N, C-alpha and C. Protein backbone atom coordinates (compact mmCIF):
# COMPACT_ATOMS: atom_id res chain seq x y z
N MET A 1 -24.13 -39.24 -30.92
CA MET A 1 -25.48 -38.38 -30.61
C MET A 1 -25.95 -38.18 -31.78
N GLU A 2 -27.59 -38.10 -32.24
CA GLU A 2 -27.78 -38.31 -33.43
C GLU A 2 -28.25 -36.72 -33.34
N ILE A 3 -28.25 -36.19 -34.46
CA ILE A 3 -28.88 -34.45 -35.05
C ILE A 3 -29.79 -34.38 -34.78
N GLY A 4 -30.69 -34.98 -34.68
CA GLY A 4 -32.17 -34.94 -34.05
C GLY A 4 -31.92 -34.66 -32.35
N GLN A 5 -31.71 -35.16 -31.53
CA GLN A 5 -30.92 -35.59 -30.50
C GLN A 5 -30.71 -33.82 -29.70
N ILE A 6 -29.46 -33.64 -30.95
CA ILE A 6 -28.62 -32.13 -30.40
C ILE A 6 -29.65 -31.31 -30.89
N ALA A 7 -30.51 -31.27 -32.36
CA ALA A 7 -31.59 -30.22 -31.97
C ALA A 7 -32.79 -30.05 -30.72
N VAL A 8 -32.93 -31.01 -30.40
CA VAL A 8 -33.83 -31.22 -29.02
C VAL A 8 -33.26 -30.49 -28.15
N ASP A 9 -31.62 -30.96 -27.98
CA ASP A 9 -30.95 -30.30 -26.12
C ASP A 9 -30.95 -29.18 -27.02
N VAL A 10 -30.42 -28.11 -27.91
CA VAL A 10 -30.64 -26.90 -28.27
C VAL A 10 -31.81 -25.93 -27.88
N ALA A 11 -32.77 -26.66 -28.34
CA ALA A 11 -34.04 -26.03 -28.45
C ALA A 11 -34.86 -26.25 -26.51
N ALA A 12 -33.92 -26.92 -26.29
CA ALA A 12 -34.39 -27.37 -24.59
C ALA A 12 -33.52 -25.86 -23.70
N ALA A 13 -32.31 -26.17 -24.27
CA ALA A 13 -31.62 -25.09 -23.70
C ALA A 13 -31.83 -23.59 -23.94
N ALA A 14 -32.30 -23.20 -25.07
CA ALA A 14 -32.64 -21.97 -25.84
C ALA A 14 -34.14 -21.73 -24.92
N ALA A 15 -34.79 -22.73 -24.50
CA ALA A 15 -36.34 -22.19 -23.81
C ALA A 15 -35.64 -22.20 -22.58
N ALA A 16 -34.59 -22.65 -22.04
CA ALA A 16 -34.09 -22.56 -20.50
C ALA A 16 -33.50 -20.96 -20.37
N LEU A 17 -33.06 -20.31 -21.45
CA LEU A 17 -31.61 -19.37 -21.33
C LEU A 17 -32.88 -18.51 -20.78
N PRO A 18 -33.84 -17.78 -21.01
CA PRO A 18 -34.32 -16.76 -20.49
C PRO A 18 -34.97 -16.59 -18.49
N GLU A 19 -35.11 -18.21 -18.18
CA GLU A 19 -35.09 -18.04 -16.85
C GLU A 19 -33.66 -17.82 -16.13
N ILE A 20 -32.80 -18.61 -16.87
CA ILE A 20 -31.66 -18.36 -16.29
C ILE A 20 -30.64 -17.29 -16.03
N GLU A 21 -31.22 -16.49 -17.06
CA GLU A 21 -30.79 -14.89 -17.40
C GLU A 21 -31.45 -14.01 -16.51
N HIS A 22 -32.75 -14.28 -15.98
CA HIS A 22 -33.43 -13.85 -15.25
C HIS A 22 -32.72 -13.86 -13.46
N GLU A 23 -32.51 -15.49 -13.34
CA GLU A 23 -32.15 -15.43 -12.14
C GLU A 23 -30.33 -14.91 -12.17
N LEU A 24 -30.05 -15.15 -13.37
CA LEU A 24 -28.27 -14.47 -12.98
C LEU A 24 -28.75 -12.89 -12.83
N ASN A 25 -29.66 -12.18 -13.31
CA ASN A 25 -29.76 -10.36 -13.03
C ASN A 25 -30.24 -10.35 -11.70
N ARG A 26 -31.09 -11.13 -11.36
CA ARG A 26 -31.68 -11.54 -9.78
C ARG A 26 -30.29 -11.32 -8.59
N LEU A 27 -29.22 -12.65 -8.72
CA LEU A 27 -28.74 -12.89 -8.25
C LEU A 27 -27.42 -11.32 -8.42
N ALA A 28 -27.23 -10.77 -9.36
CA ALA A 28 -26.49 -9.61 -9.53
C ALA A 28 -27.11 -8.77 -8.33
N VAL A 29 -28.39 -8.40 -8.40
CA VAL A 29 -28.90 -6.99 -7.85
C VAL A 29 -28.76 -7.67 -6.75
N GLU A 30 -28.67 -8.37 -6.20
CA GLU A 30 -28.47 -9.11 -4.35
C GLU A 30 -27.46 -8.91 -4.72
N LEU A 31 -26.57 -9.34 -5.06
CA LEU A 31 -25.37 -9.08 -4.61
C LEU A 31 -24.89 -7.69 -4.39
N ARG A 32 -25.05 -6.81 -5.70
CA ARG A 32 -24.97 -5.14 -5.18
C ARG A 32 -25.36 -4.95 -4.28
N GLN A 33 -26.42 -5.27 -3.85
CA GLN A 33 -27.18 -4.69 -2.50
C GLN A 33 -26.40 -5.60 -0.96
N ALA A 34 -25.94 -6.47 -1.34
CA ALA A 34 -25.18 -7.06 -0.07
C ALA A 34 -24.26 -6.02 -0.16
N GLN A 35 -23.36 -6.05 -1.44
CA GLN A 35 -22.16 -5.43 -1.12
C GLN A 35 -21.85 -3.68 -0.86
N THR A 36 -23.11 -2.94 -1.41
CA THR A 36 -23.82 -1.47 -0.56
C THR A 36 -24.03 -1.75 1.04
N ALA A 37 -24.45 -2.67 1.38
CA ALA A 37 -24.95 -2.79 2.70
C ALA A 37 -23.35 -3.00 3.64
N ARG A 38 -22.62 -4.04 3.07
CA ARG A 38 -21.33 -4.22 3.39
C ARG A 38 -20.62 -3.20 3.37
N ASN A 39 -20.73 -2.39 2.66
CA ASN A 39 -19.66 -1.16 2.89
C ASN A 39 -19.85 -0.19 3.42
N ALA A 40 -21.05 0.15 3.52
CA ALA A 40 -21.94 1.13 4.46
C ALA A 40 -21.61 0.38 6.19
N ALA A 41 -21.56 -0.48 6.32
CA ALA A 41 -21.46 -1.40 7.78
C ALA A 41 -19.45 -0.74 7.87
N LEU A 42 -18.65 -0.97 6.75
CA LEU A 42 -17.64 -0.57 6.66
C LEU A 42 -17.16 0.56 7.27
N TYR A 43 -17.66 1.69 7.00
CA TYR A 43 -17.84 3.23 6.47
C TYR A 43 -18.02 3.04 8.18
N ASN A 44 -18.82 3.11 8.37
CA ASN A 44 -19.78 3.11 9.73
C ASN A 44 -18.56 2.54 10.79
N CYS A 45 -18.25 1.69 10.66
CA CYS A 45 -17.17 0.87 11.43
C CYS A 45 -16.00 2.23 11.71
N ALA A 46 -15.49 2.59 10.31
CA ALA A 46 -14.76 3.64 10.30
C ALA A 46 -14.84 5.02 11.33
N ALA A 47 -16.09 5.35 10.97
CA ALA A 47 -16.47 6.35 11.50
C ALA A 47 -16.40 6.33 13.03
N GLU A 48 -16.63 5.13 13.76
CA GLU A 48 -16.79 4.99 14.82
C GLU A 48 -15.65 4.50 15.17
N ALA A 49 -14.76 4.39 14.79
CA ALA A 49 -13.12 4.03 14.84
C ALA A 49 -12.36 5.42 15.47
N VAL A 50 -12.58 6.47 14.89
CA VAL A 50 -12.42 7.72 15.01
C VAL A 50 -12.83 8.33 15.85
N ARG A 51 -14.08 8.54 16.23
CA ARG A 51 -14.78 9.05 16.90
C ARG A 51 -14.29 9.48 18.43
N ASP A 52 -13.59 8.74 18.86
CA ASP A 52 -13.02 8.97 20.62
C ASP A 52 -11.63 10.10 20.16
N TYR A 53 -11.23 9.85 19.06
CA TYR A 53 -9.92 10.30 18.51
C TYR A 53 -10.54 11.93 18.74
N ILE A 54 -11.26 11.97 17.76
CA ILE A 54 -12.12 13.27 17.30
C ILE A 54 -12.89 14.13 18.87
N VAL A 55 -12.99 13.28 19.51
CA VAL A 55 -14.18 13.79 20.57
C VAL A 55 -13.20 14.36 21.89
N THR A 56 -12.81 13.25 21.98
CA THR A 56 -12.37 13.09 23.03
C THR A 56 -10.51 12.77 23.20
N GLY A 57 -10.15 12.49 22.48
CA GLY A 57 -9.12 12.03 21.94
C GLY A 57 -7.78 13.15 22.00
N PRO A 58 -6.61 13.12 20.97
CA PRO A 58 -5.51 14.00 20.93
C PRO A 58 -6.35 15.12 20.17
N TYR A 59 -6.79 14.84 19.17
CA TYR A 59 -7.42 16.20 18.20
C TYR A 59 -8.21 16.67 18.73
N GLY A 60 -9.06 16.51 19.83
CA GLY A 60 -10.26 17.41 20.22
C GLY A 60 -9.87 17.74 21.50
N ALA A 61 -8.66 17.48 21.92
CA ALA A 61 -7.93 18.23 23.10
C ALA A 61 -7.31 19.30 22.43
N ALA A 62 -6.44 18.43 21.58
CA ALA A 62 -5.20 19.89 20.88
C ALA A 62 -6.74 20.88 20.05
N LEU A 63 -7.96 21.08 19.44
CA LEU A 63 -8.00 21.94 18.69
C LEU A 63 -9.10 22.68 20.42
N ARG A 64 -9.45 22.01 21.43
CA ARG A 64 -10.17 22.32 22.16
C ARG A 64 -8.95 23.24 22.78
N THR A 65 -7.97 23.57 23.55
CA THR A 65 -6.81 24.12 23.74
C THR A 65 -6.54 25.16 22.76
N ALA A 66 -6.24 24.92 21.50
CA ALA A 66 -6.19 26.00 20.74
C ALA A 66 -6.83 27.19 20.68
N CYS A 67 -8.36 26.61 20.63
CA CYS A 67 -9.46 27.47 20.86
C CYS A 67 -9.40 28.51 21.92
N GLU A 68 -9.92 27.84 23.33
CA GLU A 68 -8.90 28.26 24.69
C GLU A 68 -7.92 29.20 24.36
N CYS A 69 -7.03 28.68 23.58
CA CYS A 69 -5.60 30.26 24.08
C CYS A 69 -6.11 31.39 22.67
N GLU A 70 -6.75 30.61 21.70
CA GLU A 70 -7.49 32.11 20.92
C GLU A 70 -8.71 32.34 21.64
N GLY A 71 -9.12 32.13 22.52
CA GLY A 71 -10.14 33.02 23.23
C GLY A 71 -9.43 34.07 24.18
N VAL A 72 -8.50 33.66 24.70
CA VAL A 72 -7.91 34.48 25.91
C VAL A 72 -7.04 35.86 24.77
N LEU A 73 -6.39 35.30 24.02
CA LEU A 73 -5.67 36.32 22.85
C LEU A 73 -6.89 37.60 22.47
N ARG A 74 -7.98 36.44 21.74
CA ARG A 74 -9.09 37.81 21.17
C ARG A 74 -9.40 38.37 22.56
N GLY A 75 -9.55 38.05 23.54
CA GLY A 75 -9.96 39.11 24.75
C GLY A 75 -9.09 40.00 24.80
N LEU A 76 -7.86 39.50 25.22
CA LEU A 76 -6.79 40.60 25.41
C LEU A 76 -6.97 41.57 24.16
N GLU A 77 -6.89 41.46 23.05
CA GLU A 77 -7.23 42.34 21.90
C GLU A 77 -8.61 43.36 21.85
N ALA A 78 -9.71 42.64 22.54
CA ALA A 78 -10.46 43.44 22.75
C ALA A 78 -10.30 44.31 23.60
N GLU A 79 -10.06 43.79 24.98
CA GLU A 79 -9.58 44.44 25.85
C GLU A 79 -8.72 45.89 25.77
N LEU A 80 -7.47 45.66 25.13
CA LEU A 80 -6.73 46.61 24.52
C LEU A 80 -7.39 47.58 23.28
N ARG A 81 -7.94 47.36 22.20
CA ARG A 81 -8.80 47.94 21.38
C ARG A 81 -10.00 48.74 22.25
N GLY A 82 -10.07 48.65 23.60
CA GLY A 82 -11.65 49.04 24.17
C GLY A 82 -10.42 50.47 25.03
N ARG A 83 -9.13 50.25 25.02
CA ARG A 83 -8.78 51.60 25.82
C ARG A 83 -8.81 52.57 25.23
N GLN A 84 -8.80 52.40 24.26
CA GLN A 84 -8.95 53.67 23.45
C GLN A 84 -8.10 54.87 23.74
N GLU A 85 -6.55 54.38 23.82
CA GLU A 85 -5.66 54.82 23.82
C GLU A 85 -4.90 54.33 22.01
N VAL A 86 -4.09 55.03 22.22
CA VAL A 86 -3.59 54.60 20.71
C VAL A 86 -2.62 53.53 20.72
N ALA A 87 -1.70 53.86 21.33
CA ALA A 87 -0.83 52.47 21.90
C ALA A 87 -1.62 51.42 22.25
N ALA A 88 -2.59 51.55 23.12
CA ALA A 88 -3.46 50.26 23.18
C ALA A 88 -4.25 49.59 22.10
N ILE A 89 -4.46 50.62 21.41
CA ILE A 89 -5.40 49.97 19.61
C ILE A 89 -4.01 49.35 18.73
N GLN A 90 -3.09 49.85 18.79
CA GLN A 90 -1.88 49.29 17.94
C GLN A 90 -1.52 47.93 18.33
N ALA A 91 -1.47 47.78 20.01
CA ALA A 91 -0.89 46.63 20.68
C ALA A 91 -2.02 45.47 20.06
N GLY A 92 -3.57 45.83 20.12
CA GLY A 92 -4.55 45.02 20.06
C GLY A 92 -4.63 44.68 18.02
N GLY A 93 -3.97 45.61 17.49
CA GLY A 93 -4.08 45.82 15.80
C GLY A 93 -2.78 44.33 15.85
N VAL A 94 -1.78 44.34 16.42
CA VAL A 94 -0.34 43.89 16.52
C VAL A 94 -1.41 42.04 16.64
N ILE A 95 -1.74 41.92 17.92
CA ILE A 95 -2.03 40.58 18.77
C ILE A 95 -3.41 40.39 17.58
N PHE A 96 -3.97 40.70 16.36
CA PHE A 96 -5.15 40.36 15.73
C PHE A 96 -4.24 40.40 14.40
N ASP A 97 -3.20 40.67 13.90
CA ASP A 97 -2.86 40.36 12.47
C ASP A 97 -2.07 39.02 12.94
N LEU A 98 -1.27 38.95 14.10
CA LEU A 98 -0.37 37.79 14.56
C LEU A 98 -1.62 36.86 14.42
N LEU A 99 -2.62 36.73 14.92
CA LEU A 99 -3.89 35.64 14.87
C LEU A 99 -3.79 35.26 13.52
N ARG A 100 -4.30 36.26 13.05
CA ARG A 100 -4.83 36.16 11.51
C ARG A 100 -3.47 35.12 10.45
N GLN A 101 -2.03 36.11 10.70
CA GLN A 101 -0.89 35.28 10.30
C GLN A 101 -0.86 33.63 10.60
N VAL A 102 -0.79 33.50 11.60
CA VAL A 102 -0.99 32.12 11.99
C VAL A 102 -2.16 31.25 11.87
N ALA A 103 -3.06 31.84 11.76
CA ALA A 103 -4.57 31.10 11.06
C ALA A 103 -4.12 30.68 9.55
N LYS A 104 -3.53 31.82 8.77
CA LYS A 104 -3.42 31.44 7.96
C LYS A 104 -2.28 30.62 7.34
N GLU A 105 -0.86 30.39 8.02
CA GLU A 105 -0.29 29.55 7.77
C GLU A 105 -0.52 28.26 8.62
N ALA A 106 -1.68 28.15 9.03
CA ALA A 106 -2.23 26.50 9.81
C ALA A 106 -2.71 26.09 8.48
N VAL A 107 -2.44 25.28 7.35
CA VAL A 107 -2.85 24.98 6.58
C VAL A 107 -3.42 23.28 6.63
N VAL A 108 -4.57 23.02 6.10
CA VAL A 108 -4.87 21.49 6.56
C VAL A 108 -4.38 20.41 5.13
N ARG A 109 -3.23 19.70 5.29
CA ARG A 109 -2.95 18.46 4.47
C ARG A 109 -3.43 17.67 4.23
N PRO A 110 -4.36 17.15 3.61
CA PRO A 110 -4.77 15.76 3.95
C PRO A 110 -3.79 14.52 3.57
N ASP A 111 -4.16 13.68 4.58
CA ASP A 111 -3.00 12.33 4.72
C ASP A 111 -3.90 11.13 4.86
N PRO A 112 -4.50 10.53 3.42
CA PRO A 112 -4.98 9.70 3.49
C PRO A 112 -4.33 8.43 3.87
N ALA A 113 -3.42 8.33 3.73
CA ALA A 113 -2.83 6.87 4.34
C ALA A 113 -3.10 6.64 5.50
N PRO A 114 -3.35 6.88 6.93
CA PRO A 114 -4.07 6.61 7.86
C PRO A 114 -5.61 6.05 7.79
N GLY A 115 -6.05 6.46 7.07
CA GLY A 115 -7.50 6.02 6.33
C GLY A 115 -7.23 4.99 5.83
N ARG A 116 -6.68 4.64 4.69
CA ARG A 116 -6.48 3.67 4.21
C ARG A 116 -6.21 2.68 4.76
N ARG A 117 -5.36 2.49 5.85
CA ARG A 117 -4.40 1.73 6.75
C ARG A 117 -5.75 1.16 7.16
N LEU A 118 -6.74 2.21 8.11
CA LEU A 118 -7.82 1.60 8.94
C LEU A 118 -8.99 1.08 8.00
N LEU A 119 -9.41 1.40 6.82
CA LEU A 119 -10.23 0.52 5.75
C LEU A 119 -9.96 -0.65 5.48
N ALA A 120 -8.30 -1.00 5.23
CA ALA A 120 -7.68 -2.09 5.30
C ALA A 120 -7.90 -3.23 6.47
N GLN A 121 -7.73 -2.72 7.58
CA GLN A 121 -8.15 -3.31 8.79
C GLN A 121 -9.28 -3.69 9.40
N LEU A 122 -9.80 -2.72 8.52
CA LEU A 122 -11.56 -2.84 9.39
C LEU A 122 -12.24 -4.36 8.31
N ASP A 123 -11.41 -4.26 6.95
CA ASP A 123 -12.29 -5.78 6.37
C ASP A 123 -12.08 -6.86 6.76
N ALA A 124 -10.72 -6.95 8.18
CA ALA A 124 -10.78 -8.42 8.83
C ALA A 124 -10.99 -8.23 10.17
N ASP A 125 -11.27 -6.91 10.36
CA ASP A 125 -11.31 -6.42 12.13
C ASP A 125 -12.52 -5.33 12.59
N PRO A 126 -13.23 -5.63 12.39
CA PRO A 126 -14.06 -4.50 12.56
C PRO A 126 -14.28 -3.74 13.87
N ASP A 127 -13.42 -4.44 14.69
CA ASP A 127 -12.60 -3.27 15.72
C ASP A 127 -11.77 -3.14 15.84
N ALA A 128 -10.94 -3.07 14.61
CA ALA A 128 -9.73 -2.20 14.30
C ALA A 128 -9.35 -0.78 15.03
N GLY A 129 -8.67 -0.29 15.56
CA GLY A 129 -8.50 1.04 15.92
C GLY A 129 -7.92 1.63 15.10
N PHE A 130 -7.95 3.40 14.94
CA PHE A 130 -7.60 4.35 14.61
C PHE A 130 -5.88 4.63 14.83
N CYS A 131 -4.78 4.77 13.71
CA CYS A 131 -3.44 5.43 14.09
C CYS A 131 -3.64 6.31 12.90
N ILE A 132 -2.88 7.31 13.58
CA ILE A 132 -2.64 8.10 12.53
C ILE A 132 -1.42 8.82 12.22
N ALA A 133 -0.36 7.52 12.89
CA ALA A 133 0.98 7.57 12.17
C ALA A 133 1.36 6.14 11.61
N ASN A 134 2.31 5.79 11.59
CA ASN A 134 2.70 4.39 10.87
C ASN A 134 2.10 3.45 12.03
N PRO A 135 1.85 2.28 11.44
CA PRO A 135 1.21 1.27 12.29
C PRO A 135 1.94 0.92 13.84
N ASP A 136 3.14 0.60 13.44
CA ASP A 136 4.03 0.76 14.70
C ASP A 136 3.98 1.85 15.53
N ALA A 137 3.39 2.65 15.39
CA ALA A 137 3.71 4.08 16.58
C ALA A 137 2.67 3.50 17.84
N GLU A 138 3.00 4.74 18.69
CA GLU A 138 2.53 4.24 20.17
C GLU A 138 1.65 5.14 19.77
N LEU A 139 0.87 6.26 19.31
CA LEU A 139 -0.40 6.57 19.45
C LEU A 139 -1.29 6.17 18.71
N ARG A 140 -2.30 5.45 20.00
CA ARG A 140 -3.37 4.74 18.97
C ARG A 140 -4.43 5.23 19.96
N VAL A 141 -5.69 5.29 19.42
CA VAL A 141 -7.03 5.86 20.10
C VAL A 141 -7.81 3.97 19.89
């Protein structure tokens, strides 16, 4: 190949470079937008997968039961305190203290493992279900 021909090829490549760079940048933007849309769909699938677990499943049932129980105990506490007798007021105070103690001990410790498993499963199957225990556990929603 002659030096003159190489110079022509270099000049043509240099002239085409801005257009190629522009196209690469456009494709990079398009790719980021597609990744963002895909991730949003994945996250929405995750929220949908746990909806039943939260609303009508074990979590919702346990929370509603706990709240109903506390409501009954708070009602007894109020009834006792309303009796205007020292012993009744003291008994109401004991109930109040016990409820406060249990609430203080009921600490939420985040466990990211089930969520990570769900997100990994949703990558392959948008209908994947949520499981709070290990993947072989029977408690599935």
